[in-house]
Amino acid sequence: MIVVTGATGNVGRPLVETLVAAGEQVRAVSRRQSFTADMSQPETLKPALDGAEAAFLMTPPDFLANGDFGAVVDVVRAAGVQRVVLLSSQGVGTQRHPSALEDAVTESGLEWTILRPGNFNSNAFQWAESVRTRRVLEAPYGDVLLPAVDPADIADVAALALREPNHGGTIYTLTGPEPIGPRRMTAAIAEAIGEPVQFVELSHEEARARMLTYMPEPVVEATLGVLGAPSLEEQAVSPDIERLLGRARTFTDWATRNALTFA
């Protein structure tokens, strides 16, 4: 039995589908699934973990403000789970984000694998309404390039690590196969929907003000730092996805699959 937390998310949903297609027994856990749990209340995970051998762990955006991941790992270990895969962030490796989640897993005594994705292609969903209604995409730093990653590729790597024993003690950095910025993303979305889309570049302050409406300030500052002044490490394409899966999906692939959301 494999437990997948965050099962309704951009990574969790395709991960559940991949595991089920591979013949695995899966318990899908989220705040809205039949197995409901709140990571900030670790004891709510106990029913879902009963009899599980492996677990995919991801935390919601608000977890760092009010959660105790060490307590989550304690519950997972006490349930007899042997293997965990943690969805972390490339920002831990570049020291833009705290390492508390990873530390709790690596010090747990469990067999662990850590996934550090960079910028998600699915972050482009934030532009869907303006593209649909005005055929406009507004974003800062239009020509700064980062290798955004397809959540489906993250899910496929997670499935390997959950099912196979030879990924224990490994940290994978997950990026797309090529750097891309908002201006090029706009062109890819326009091609996917078959309509022209105008790119409008926001200033740093305009972007910051918008992001503060749905993200904590420290996360906003770290995110804008990556988007506006990425390090060489953050701009680099990692070989991990292609090495593990034999291919890596591009942003154009993602935009084509999700064209109806923007149309």
C-alpha atoms as a PDB file:
ATOM      1  CA  MET A   1       0.000   0.000   0.000  1.00  0.00           C
ATOM      2  CA  ILE A   2       1.265   3.457  -0.969  1.00  0.00           C
ATOM      3  CA  VAL A   3      -0.109   6.615   0.640  1.00  0.00           C
ATOM      4  CA  VAL A   4      -0.104   9.819  -1.414  1.00  0.00           C
ATOM      5  CA  THR A   5      -0.650  13.071   0.457  1.00  0.00           C
ATOM      6  CA  GLY A   6      -1.698  16.166  -1.479  1.00  0.00           C
ATOM      7  CA  ALA A   7      -3.523  13.795  -3.825  1.00  0.00           C
ATOM      8  CA  THR A   8      -5.634  16.490  -5.507  1.00  0.00           C
ATOM      9  CA  GLY A   9      -2.666  18.713  -6.399  1.00  0.00           C
ATOM     10  CA  ASN A  10      -0.643  19.235  -9.547  1.00  0.00           C
ATOM     11  CA  VAL A  11       1.787  16.483  -8.564  1.00  0.00           C
ATOM     12  CA  GLY A  12      -0.414  14.300  -6.371  1.00  0.00           C
ATOM     13  CA  ARG A  13      -3.142  13.736  -8.933  1.00  0.00           C
ATOM     14  CA  PRO A  14      -0.901  12.411 -11.735  1.00  0.00           C
ATOM     15  CA  LEU A  15       1.102  10.438  -9.161  1.00  0.00           C
ATOM     16  CA  VAL A  16      -2.032   8.597  -8.023  1.00  0.00           C
ATOM     17  CA  GLU A  17      -2.953   7.896 -11.653  1.00  0.00           C
ATOM     18  CA  THR A  18       0.533   6.575 -12.443  1.00  0.00           C
ATOM     19  CA  LEU A  19       0.645   4.297  -9.407  1.00  0.00           C
ATOM     20  CA  VAL A  20      -2.823   2.902 -10.038  1.00  0.00           C
ATOM     21  CA  ALA A  21      -1.960   2.266 -13.699  1.00  0.00           C
ATOM     22  CA  ALA A  22       1.094   0.332 -12.481  1.00  0.00           C
ATOM     23  CA  GLY A  23      -1.138  -1.916 -10.394  1.00  0.00           C
ATOM     24  CA  GLU A  24      -0.299  -0.457  -6.980  1.00  0.00           C
ATOM     25  CA  GLN A  25      -2.757  -0.132  -4.128  1.00  0.00           C
ATOM     26  CA  VAL A  26      -3.010   3.567  -3.364  1.00  0.00           C
ATOM     27  CA  ARG A  27      -4.610   5.649  -0.639  1.00  0.00           C
ATOM     28  CA  ALA A  28      -5.178   9.190  -1.844  1.00  0.00           C
ATOM     29  CA  VAL A  29      -5.051  11.684   1.020  1.00  0.00           C
ATOM     30  CA  SER A  30      -5.937  15.362   1.012  1.00  0.00           C
ATOM     31  CA  ARG A  31      -8.201  17.778   2.791  1.00  0.00           C
ATOM     32  CA  ARG A  32     -10.977  16.827   0.352  1.00  0.00           C
ATOM     33  CA  GLN A  33     -10.482  13.086  -0.360  1.00  0.00           C
ATOM     34  CA  SER A  34     -12.269  10.117   1.212  1.00  0.00           C
ATOM     35  CA  PHE A  35      -9.109   9.806   3.319  1.00  0.00           C
ATOM     36  CA  THR A  36      -8.987  13.335   4.709  1.00  0.00           C
ATOM     37  CA  ALA A  37      -6.047  14.634   6.680  1.00  0.00           C
ATOM     38  CA  ASP A  38      -4.494  17.938   7.655  1.00  0.00           C
ATOM     39  CA  MET A  39      -0.701  17.863   7.819  1.00  0.00           C
ATOM     40  CA  SER A  40      -0.778  20.523  10.529  1.00  0.00           C
ATOM     41  CA  GLN A  41      -2.664  17.944  12.644  1.00  0.00           C
ATOM     42  CA  PRO A  42      -0.452  14.872  12.195  1.00  0.00           C
ATOM     43  CA  GLU A  43      -2.727  12.518  14.104  1.00  0.00           C
ATOM     44  CA  THR A  44      -5.313  12.860  11.319  1.00  0.00           C
ATOM     45  CA  LEU A  45      -2.915  10.907   9.069  1.00  0.00           C
ATOM     46  CA  LYS A  46      -3.071   7.752  11.169  1.00  0.00           C
ATOM     47  CA  PRO A  47      -6.095   6.071   9.498  1.00  0.00           C
ATOM     48  CA  ALA A  48      -4.636   6.534   6.020  1.00  0.00           C
ATOM     49  CA  LEU A  49      -1.238   5.141   7.046  1.00  0.00           C
ATOM     50  CA  ASP A  50      -2.613   1.878   8.443  1.00  0.00           C
ATOM     51  CA  GLY A  51      -0.884  -0.955   6.594  1.00  0.00           C
ATOM     52  CA  ALA A  52       1.080   1.345   4.293  1.00  0.00           C
ATOM     53  CA  GLU A  53       4.610   0.447   3.211  1.00  0.00           C
ATOM     54  CA  ALA A  54       5.485   3.714   1.459  1.00  0.00           C
ATOM     55  CA  ALA A  55       4.311   7.324   1.564  1.00  0.00           C
ATOM     56  CA  PHE A  56       4.626  10.395  -0.612  1.00  0.00           C
ATOM     57  CA  LEU A  57       4.808  13.460   1.621  1.00  0.00           C
ATOM     58  CA  MET A  58       4.113  16.993   0.532  1.00  0.00           C
ATOM     59  CA  THR A  59       3.022  19.940   2.628  1.00  0.00           C
ATOM     60  CA  PRO A  60       0.457  22.633   1.774  1.00  0.00           C
ATOM     61  CA  PRO A  61       1.642  26.224   1.200  1.00  0.00           C
ATOM     62  CA  ASP A  62       0.606  27.344   4.680  1.00  0.00           C
ATOM     63  CA  PHE A  63       2.344  24.482   6.507  1.00  0.00           C
ATOM     64  CA  LEU A  64       5.603  26.212   7.419  1.00  0.00           C
ATOM     65  CA  ALA A  65       3.651  28.898   9.277  1.00  0.00           C
ATOM     66  CA  ASN A  66       1.731  26.514  11.536  1.00  0.00           C
ATOM     67  CA  GLY A  67       2.950  22.939  11.093  1.00  0.00           C
ATOM     68  CA  ASP A  68       5.423  20.586  12.761  1.00  0.00           C
ATOM     69  CA  PHE A  69       6.876  18.268  10.149  1.00  0.00           C
ATOM     70  CA  GLY A  70       8.879  16.358  12.721  1.00  0.00           C
ATOM     71  CA  ALA A  71       5.565  15.317  14.275  1.00  0.00           C
ATOM     72  CA  VAL A  72       4.317  14.227  10.856  1.00  0.00           C
ATOM     73  CA  VAL A  73       7.373  12.039  10.345  1.00  0.00           C
ATOM     74  CA  ASP A  74       6.920  10.559  13.842  1.00  0.00           C
ATOM     75  CA  VAL A  75       3.372   9.503  12.929  1.00  0.00           C
ATOM     76  CA  VAL A  76       4.558   8.024   9.631  1.00  0.00           C
ATOM     77  CA  ARG A  77       7.331   6.024  11.332  1.00  0.00           C
ATOM     78  CA  ALA A  78       5.048   4.826  14.128  1.00  0.00           C
ATOM     79  CA  ALA A  79       2.589   3.507  11.528  1.00  0.00           C
ATOM     80  CA  GLY A  80       5.260   1.144  10.196  1.00  0.00           C
ATOM     81  CA  VAL A  81       5.878   2.927   6.903  1.00  0.00           C
ATOM     82  CA  GLN A  82       9.296   1.925   5.576  1.00  0.00           C
ATOM     83  CA  ARG A  83       9.875   4.236   2.610  1.00  0.00           C
ATOM     84  CA  VAL A  84       9.114   7.944   2.186  1.00  0.00           C
ATOM     85  CA  VAL A  85       9.457  10.301  -0.746  1.00  0.00           C
ATOM     86  CA  LEU A  86       9.441  13.994   0.179  1.00  0.00           C
ATOM     87  CA  LEU A  87       8.472  16.732  -2.240  1.00  0.00           C
ATOM     88  CA  SER A  88      10.868  19.505  -1.246  1.00  0.00           C
ATOM     89  CA  SER A  89      12.170  22.429  -3.297  1.00  0.00           C
ATOM     90  CA  GLN A  90      15.239  23.342  -5.292  1.00  0.00           C
ATOM     91  CA  GLY A  91      15.361  26.381  -3.010  1.00  0.00           C
ATOM     92  CA  VAL A  92      16.601  24.174  -0.162  1.00  0.00           C
ATOM     93  CA  GLY A  93      19.660  23.237  -2.192  1.00  0.00           C
ATOM     94  CA  THR A  94      20.313  26.869  -3.103  1.00  0.00           C
ATOM     95  CA  GLN A  95      19.650  27.949   0.502  1.00  0.00           C
ATOM     96  CA  ARG A  96      16.751  30.243  -0.377  1.00  0.00           C
ATOM     97  CA  HIS A  97      14.343  28.020   1.585  1.00  0.00           C
ATOM     98  CA  PRO A  98      14.713  26.439   5.035  1.00  0.00           C
ATOM     99  CA  SER A  99      15.787  22.802   5.306  1.00  0.00           C
ATOM    100  CA  ALA A 100      13.513  21.793   8.195  1.00  0.00           C
ATOM    101  CA  LEU A 101      11.367  19.371   6.166  1.00  0.00           C
ATOM    102  CA  GLU A 102      14.353  17.625   4.632  1.00  0.00           C
ATOM    103  CA  ASP A 103      16.136  17.435   7.989  1.00  0.00           C
ATOM    104  CA  ALA A 104      13.147  15.706   9.572  1.00  0.00           C
ATOM    105  CA  VAL A 105      13.150  13.058   6.832  1.00  0.00           C
ATOM    106  CA  THR A 106      16.899  12.440   6.627  1.00  0.00           C
ATOM    107  CA  GLU A 107      17.127  12.084  10.405  1.00  0.00           C
ATOM    108  CA  SER A 108      14.079   9.802  10.655  1.00  0.00           C
ATOM    109  CA  GLY A 109      15.760   6.428  10.216  1.00  0.00           C
ATOM    110  CA  LEU A 110      13.375   5.671   7.349  1.00  0.00           C
ATOM    111  CA  GLU A 111      14.396   4.903   3.778  1.00  0.00           C
ATOM    112  CA  TRP A 112      14.018   8.293   2.109  1.00  0.00           C
ATOM    113  CA  THR A 113      14.206  10.009  -1.256  1.00  0.00           C
ATOM    114  CA  ILE A 114      13.986  13.784  -1.634  1.00  0.00           C
ATOM    115  CA  LEU A 115      12.709  15.524  -4.754  1.00  0.00           C
ATOM    116  CA  ARG A 116      13.786  19.140  -5.292  1.00  0.00           C
ATOM    117  CA  PRO A 117      11.792  20.595  -8.203  1.00  0.00           C
ATOM    118  CA  GLY A 118      12.389  24.067  -9.511  1.00  0.00           C
ATOM    119  CA  ASN A 119       9.746  26.371 -10.977  1.00  0.00           C
ATOM    120  CA  PHE A 120       6.578  24.414 -11.908  1.00  0.00           C
ATOM    121  CA  ASN A 121       5.051  24.747 -15.382  1.00  0.00           C
ATOM    122  CA  SER A 122       1.677  24.677 -13.635  1.00  0.00           C
ATOM    123  CA  ASN A 123       2.456  28.039 -12.015  1.00  0.00           C
ATOM    124  CA  ALA A 124       1.307  29.363 -15.383  1.00  0.00           C
ATOM    125  CA  PHE A 125      -2.277  28.598 -14.316  1.00  0.00           C
ATOM    126  CA  GLN A 126      -2.151  31.945 -12.481  1.00  0.00           C
ATOM    127  CA  TRP A 127      -2.361  33.584 -15.917  1.00  0.00           C
ATOM    128  CA  ALA A 128      -5.261  31.502 -17.207  1.00  0.00           C
ATOM    129  CA  GLU A 129      -8.052  33.986 -16.465  1.00  0.00           C
ATOM    130  CA  SER A 130      -6.334  36.968 -18.045  1.00  0.00           C
ATOM    131  CA  VAL A 131      -5.416  34.923 -21.110  1.00  0.00           C
ATOM    132  CA  ARG A 132      -8.992  33.620 -21.446  1.00  0.00           C
ATOM    133  CA  THR A 133     -10.721  36.950 -20.918  1.00  0.00           C
ATOM    134  CA  ARG A 134      -8.262  39.500 -22.334  1.00  0.00           C
ATOM    135  CA  ARG A 135      -5.656  37.488 -24.247  1.00  0.00           C
ATOM    136  CA  VAL A 136      -3.026  39.127 -22.026  1.00  0.00           C
ATOM    137  CA  LEU A 137      -0.327  37.538 -19.878  1.00  0.00           C
ATOM    138  CA  GLU A 138       1.205  39.763 -17.193  1.00  0.00           C
ATOM    139  CA  ALA A 139       4.406  38.782 -15.382  1.00  0.00           C
ATOM    140  CA  PRO A 140       7.707  40.249 -14.183  1.00  0.00           C
ATOM    141  CA  TYR A 141      11.151  39.529 -15.619  1.00  0.00           C
ATOM    142  CA  GLY A 142       9.916  38.532 -19.054  1.00  0.00           C
ATOM    143  CA  ASP A 143      13.290  37.513 -20.437  1.00  0.00           C
ATOM    144  CA  VAL A 144      14.841  35.831 -17.408  1.00  0.00           C
ATOM    145  CA  LEU A 145      15.076  32.134 -18.233  1.00  0.00           C
ATOM    146  CA  LEU A 146      14.565  29.203 -15.849  1.00  0.00           C
ATOM    147  CA  PRO A 147      14.111  25.485 -16.655  1.00  0.00           C
ATOM    148  CA  ALA A 148      10.510  25.085 -15.445  1.00  0.00           C
ATOM    149  CA  VAL A 149       9.446  21.498 -14.714  1.00  0.00           C
ATOM    150  CA  ASP A 150       6.304  19.580 -15.675  1.00  0.00           C
ATOM    151  CA  PRO A 151       4.446  18.296 -12.567  1.00  0.00           C
ATOM    152  CA  ALA A 152       3.733  15.073 -14.464  1.00  0.00           C
ATOM    153  CA  ASP A 153       7.472  14.432 -14.665  1.00  0.00           C
ATOM    154  CA  ILE A 154       7.799  15.038 -10.924  1.00  0.00           C
ATOM    155  CA  ALA A 155       5.003  12.501 -10.394  1.00  0.00           C
ATOM    156  CA  ASP A 156       6.708   9.921 -12.603  1.00  0.00           C
ATOM    157  CA  VAL A 157       9.982  10.261 -10.693  1.00  0.00           C
ATOM    158  CA  ALA A 158       8.097  10.015  -7.391  1.00  0.00           C
ATOM    159  CA  ALA A 159       6.419   6.818  -8.599  1.00  0.00           C
ATOM    160  CA  LEU A 160       9.813   5.261  -9.335  1.00  0.00           C
ATOM    161  CA  ALA A 161      11.153   6.201  -5.927  1.00  0.00           C
ATOM    162  CA  LEU A 162       8.059   4.866  -4.155  1.00  0.00           C
ATOM    163  CA  ARG A 163       8.075   1.546  -5.997  1.00  0.00           C
ATOM    164  CA  GLU A 164      11.787   0.778  -6.325  1.00  0.00           C
ATOM    165  CA  PRO A 165      14.379   0.280  -3.555  1.00  0.00           C
ATOM    166  CA  ASN A 166      17.408   1.728  -5.351  1.00  0.00           C
ATOM    167  CA  HIS A 167      16.512   5.410  -4.807  1.00  0.00           C
ATOM    168  CA  GLY A 168      16.975   5.454  -1.036  1.00  0.00           C
ATOM    169  CA  GLY A 169      19.217   8.151   0.397  1.00  0.00           C
ATOM    170  CA  THR A 170      19.101  10.129  -2.853  1.00  0.00           C
ATOM    171  CA  ILE A 171      18.259  13.760  -3.572  1.00  0.00           C
ATOM    172  CA  TYR A 172      17.018  14.501  -7.101  1.00  0.00           C
ATOM    173  CA  THR A 173      16.932  18.013  -8.541  1.00  0.00           C
ATOM    174  CA  LEU A 174      14.073  18.156 -11.027  1.00  0.00           C
ATOM    175  CA  THR A 175      13.940  20.733 -13.822  1.00  0.00           C
ATOM    176  CA  GLY A 176      12.610  20.941 -17.331  1.00  0.00           C
ATOM    177  CA  PRO A 177      14.887  20.223 -20.318  1.00  0.00           C
ATOM    178  CA  GLU A 178      15.376  23.852 -21.344  1.00  0.00           C
ATOM    179  CA  PRO A 179      15.307  27.329 -19.776  1.00  0.00           C
ATOM    180  CA  ILE A 180      12.247  29.438 -20.573  1.00  0.00           C
ATOM    181  CA  GLY A 181      10.890  32.808 -19.430  1.00  0.00           C
ATOM    182  CA  PRO A 182       7.440  34.431 -19.320  1.00  0.00           C
ATOM    183  CA  ARG A 183       7.734  35.989 -22.772  1.00  0.00           C
ATOM    184  CA  ARG A 184       8.485  32.625 -24.362  1.00  0.00           C
ATOM    185  CA  MET A 185       5.798  30.979 -22.225  1.00  0.00           C
ATOM    186  CA  THR A 186       3.326  33.502 -23.632  1.00  0.00           C
ATOM    187  CA  ALA A 187       4.270  32.464 -27.146  1.00  0.00           C
ATOM    188  CA  ALA A 188       3.881  28.773 -26.278  1.00  0.00           C
ATOM    189  CA  ILE A 189       0.429  29.351 -24.782  1.00  0.00           C
ATOM    190  CA  ALA A 190      -0.617  31.411 -27.799  1.00  0.00           C
ATOM    191  CA  GLU A 191       0.478  28.598 -30.102  1.00  0.00           C
ATOM    192  CA  ALA A 192      -1.374  26.024 -27.990  1.00  0.00           C
ATOM    193  CA  ILE A 193      -4.689  27.891 -28.135  1.00  0.00           C
ATOM    194  CA  GLY A 194      -4.258  29.164 -31.689  1.00  0.00           C
ATOM    195  CA  GLU A 195      -4.810  32.804 -30.687  1.00  0.00           C
ATOM    196  CA  PRO A 196      -2.444  35.769 -30.235  1.00  0.00           C
ATOM    197  CA  VAL A 197      -1.623  36.593 -26.602  1.00  0.00           C
ATOM    198  CA  GLN A 198      -0.003  39.882 -25.563  1.00  0.00           C
ATOM    199  CA  PHE A 199       2.805  39.807 -23.015  1.00  0.00           C
ATOM    200  CA  VAL A 200       2.863  42.694 -20.500  1.00  0.00           C
ATOM    201  CA  GLU A 201       5.879  42.950 -18.209  1.00  0.00           C
ATOM    202  CA  LEU A 202       5.140  43.866 -14.590  1.00  0.00           C
ATOM    203  CA  SER A 203       7.558  45.802 -12.440  1.00  0.00           C
ATOM    204  CA  HIS A 204       9.052  44.149  -9.366  1.00  0.00           C
ATOM    205  CA  GLU A 205       6.742  46.152  -7.093  1.00  0.00           C
ATOM    206  CA  GLU A 206       3.635  45.380  -9.151  1.00  0.00           C
ATOM    207  CA  ALA A 207       4.411  41.677  -9.052  1.00  0.00           C
ATOM    208  CA  ARG A 208       5.189  41.803  -5.335  1.00  0.00           C
ATOM    209  CA  ALA A 209       1.892  43.517  -4.511  1.00  0.00           C
ATOM    210  CA  ARG A 210      -0.073  40.898  -6.424  1.00  0.00           C
ATOM    211  CA  MET A 211       1.781  37.955  -4.912  1.00  0.00           C
ATOM    212  CA  LEU A 212       1.292  39.250  -1.363  1.00  0.00           C
ATOM    213  CA  THR A 213      -2.455  38.715  -1.792  1.00  0.00           C
ATOM    214  CA  TYR A 214      -1.984  34.933  -1.775  1.00  0.00           C
ATOM    215  CA  MET A 215       1.537  34.177  -0.489  1.00  0.00           C
ATOM    216  CA  PRO A 216       3.389  34.929   2.789  1.00  0.00           C
ATOM    217  CA  GLU A 217       5.924  37.746   2.489  1.00  0.00           C
ATOM    218  CA  PRO A 218       9.056  35.569   2.979  1.00  0.00           C
ATOM    219  CA  VAL A 219       7.871  33.247   0.201  1.00  0.00           C
ATOM    220  CA  VAL A 220       7.149  36.221  -2.054  1.00  0.00           C
ATOM    221  CA  GLU A 221      10.626  37.634  -1.532  1.00  0.00           C
ATOM    222  CA  ALA A 222      12.310  34.281  -2.163  1.00  0.00           C
ATOM    223  CA  THR A 223      10.204  33.662  -5.272  1.00  0.00           C
ATOM    224  CA  LEU A 224      10.911  37.072  -6.767  1.00  0.00           C
ATOM    225  CA  GLY A 225      14.577  36.556  -6.007  1.00  0.00           C
ATOM    226  CA  VAL A 226      14.607  33.372  -8.067  1.00  0.00           C
ATOM    227  CA  LEU A 227      12.524  34.860 -10.888  1.00  0.00           C
ATOM    228  CA  GLY A 228      14.458  38.107 -11.104  1.00  0.00           C
ATOM    229  CA  ALA A 229      18.016  37.200 -10.193  1.00  0.00           C
ATOM    230  CA  PRO A 230      18.470  33.442 -10.391  1.00  0.00           C
ATOM    231  CA  SER A 231      21.820  31.913  -9.573  1.00  0.00           C
ATOM    232  CA  LEU A 232      23.718  29.881 -12.133  1.00  0.00           C
ATOM    233  CA  GLU A 233      22.606  26.771 -10.242  1.00  0.00           C
ATOM    234  CA  GLU A 234      18.955  27.787 -10.526  1.00  0.00           C
ATOM    235  CA  GLN A 235      19.313  28.431 -14.252  1.00  0.00           C
ATOM    236  CA  ALA A 236      21.018  25.102 -14.895  1.00  0.00           C
ATOM    237  CA  VAL A 237      19.179  22.167 -16.446  1.00  0.00           C
ATOM    238  CA  SER A 238      19.390  19.115 -14.193  1.00  0.00           C
ATOM    239  CA  PRO A 239      19.884  15.756 -15.949  1.00  0.00           C
ATOM    240  CA  ASP A 240      17.973  13.793 -13.309  1.00  0.00           C
ATOM    241  CA  ILE A 241      14.553  13.563 -14.989  1.00  0.00           C
ATOM    242  CA  GLU A 242      15.924  12.568 -18.375  1.00  0.00           C
ATOM    243  CA  ARG A 243      18.287  10.052 -16.797  1.00  0.00           C
ATOM    244  CA  LEU A 244      15.507   8.446 -14.749  1.00  0.00           C
ATOM    245  CA  LEU A 245      12.656   8.590 -17.267  1.00  0.00           C
ATOM    246  CA  GLY A 246      14.448   8.662 -20.588  1.00  0.00           C
ATOM    247  CA  ARG A 247      12.805  11.981 -21.507  1.00  0.00           C
ATOM    248  CA  ALA A 248      11.743  15.299 -19.998  1.00  0.00           C
ATOM    249  CA  ARG A 249       8.634  17.245 -21.027  1.00  0.00           C
ATOM    250  CA  THR A 250       8.942  20.856 -22.217  1.00  0.00           C
ATOM    251  CA  PHE A 251       6.746  23.824 -21.325  1.00  0.00           C
ATOM    252  CA  THR A 252       5.281  23.613 -24.824  1.00  0.00           C
ATOM    253  CA  ASP A 253       4.226  20.018 -24.078  1.00  0.00           C
ATOM    254  CA  TRP A 254       2.542  21.198 -20.894  1.00  0.00           C
ATOM    255  CA  ALA A 255       0.805  24.147 -22.595  1.00  0.00           C
ATOM    256  CA  THR A 256      -0.526  21.886 -25.336  1.00  0.00           C
ATOM    257  CA  ARG A 257      -1.999  19.436 -22.789  1.00  0.00           C
ATOM    258  CA  ASN A 258      -3.614  22.297 -20.865  1.00  0.00           C
ATOM    259  CA  ALA A 259      -4.704  24.483 -23.774  1.00  0.00           C
ATOM    260  CA  LEU A 260      -8.402  24.347 -22.863  1.00  0.00           C
ATOM    261  CA  THR A 261      -7.675  26.053 -19.530  1.00  0.00           C
ATOM    262  CA  PHE A 262      -6.363  29.087 -21.398  1.00  0.00           C
ATOM    263  CA  ALA A 263      -8.745  29.048 -24.353  1.00  0.00           C
END
